[in-house]
Protein backbone atom coordinates (compact mmCIF):
# COMPACT_ATOMS: atom_id res chain seq x y z
CA MET A 1 0.26 0.07 0.15
CA THR A 2 1.88 3.88 -0.90
CA ASP A 3 0.87 7.24 0.84
CA PHE A 4 -0.66 8.32 -2.42
CA ASN A 5 -4.23 6.99 -2.69
CA PRO A 6 -5.14 9.32 -6.10
CA ILE A 7 -9.46 8.89 -4.66
CA PHE A 8 -8.66 9.53 -1.15
CA PRO A 9 -5.99 11.85 -0.03
CA GLN A 10 -5.12 12.26 2.58
CA SER A 11 -4.01 15.73 2.87
CA ARG A 12 -6.38 17.97 2.00
CA VAL A 13 -5.34 20.77 0.07
CA ARG A 14 -7.54 23.99 1.25
CA LEU A 15 -7.71 26.78 -1.35
CA ARG A 16 -8.61 30.48 -0.28
CA ARG A 17 -9.35 33.24 -2.28
CA ALA A 18 -7.31 35.19 -4.44
CA GLU A 19 -6.15 38.69 -1.25
CA THR A 20 -5.54 40.52 -4.28
CA ALA A 21 -8.01 42.78 -5.82
CA VAL A 22 -8.17 43.91 -9.22
CA GLU A 23 -9.15 47.30 -9.70
CA TYR A 24 -9.41 49.18 -13.22
CA VAL A 25 -8.24 52.58 -13.25
CA ASN A 26 -9.34 54.65 -15.62
CA PRO A 27 -7.19 57.19 -16.87
CA GLN A 28 -9.23 60.01 -17.60
CA HIS A 29 -8.85 63.27 -15.73
CA VAL A 30 -11.72 63.36 -13.44
CA LEU A 31 -12.97 67.08 -14.31
CA GLN A 32 -13.01 65.83 -18.03
CA ARG A 33 -15.30 63.27 -17.47
CA ILE A 34 -17.48 65.72 -15.71
CA LEU A 35 -17.46 67.95 -19.21
CA ALA A 36 -17.54 64.88 -21.12
CA PHE A 37 -21.23 64.25 -19.44
CA THR A 38 -22.90 67.41 -18.69
CA GLY A 39 -21.82 68.91 -22.60
CA GLN A 40 -19.46 71.98 -21.00
CA SER A 41 -15.95 73.14 -22.01
CA ILE A 42 -13.48 74.84 -20.32
CA ASP A 43 -14.21 78.46 -21.69
CA ASP A 44 -18.42 77.87 -20.55
CA VAL A 45 -16.25 76.33 -17.02
CA VAL A 46 -14.92 79.77 -16.90
CA ASN A 47 -17.20 82.00 -18.99
CA HIS A 48 -20.84 81.81 -17.43
CA ARG A 49 -21.57 80.85 -13.44
CA VAL A 50 -23.83 79.20 -14.21
CA SER A 51 -21.73 75.93 -15.32
CA LYS A 52 -18.91 76.33 -13.13
CA ASN A 53 -22.17 75.91 -10.71
CA ILE A 54 -22.79 72.95 -12.79
CA VAL A 55 -19.20 71.39 -13.33
CA ALA A 56 -19.07 71.81 -9.72
CA GLY A 57 -22.52 70.01 -8.54
CA HIS A 58 -21.30 67.43 -10.63
CA TYR A 59 -17.57 67.27 -8.62
CA LYS A 60 -18.94 67.56 -5.54
CA LEU A 61 -21.19 64.48 -6.26
CA LEU A 62 -18.53 62.17 -7.39
CA ARG A 63 -16.45 63.60 -4.56
CA GLU A 64 -19.82 62.13 -2.45
CA ILE A 65 -20.24 58.82 -4.46
CA LYS A 66 -16.43 57.68 -3.38
CA ARG A 67 -16.58 58.19 -0.04
CA GLN A 68 -19.62 56.30 0.43
CA GLY A 69 -18.07 53.86 -1.10
CA GLU A 70 -14.29 53.44 0.75
CA ILE A 71 -16.57 54.31 4.21
CA ARG A 72 -19.55 50.75 2.74
CA GLU A 73 -15.96 48.78 1.67
CA LEU A 74 -14.10 49.62 5.87
CA GLU A 75 -17.69 48.66 7.59
CA ASN A 76 -17.85 45.35 5.89
CA GLN A 77 -14.05 44.15 6.36
CA TRP A 78 -15.08 45.36 9.85
CA ASN A 79 -17.67 44.93 9.91
CA SER A 80 -16.78 41.10 7.82
CA VAL A 81 -18.39 37.82 9.64
CA ARG A 82 -15.51 35.15 9.19
CA LEU A 83 -16.88 31.09 8.77
């Protein structure tokens, strides 16, 4: 009898999930993304108060959404259930 048995192995190998997460980064600058989304140009933002307020509002909204995502990730780490 051999120690190697392919049907019933003596030692079990524990598979673990990949500990490194893949993060996709968009190389486009935030201001360029907001200007493309709102249909404004940089000249509109500089010369018109309404355009400036629209772009500033979208930037603040984007910043808040990112922050809430970071908070949710941290809460998931702190309150994770280990099995």
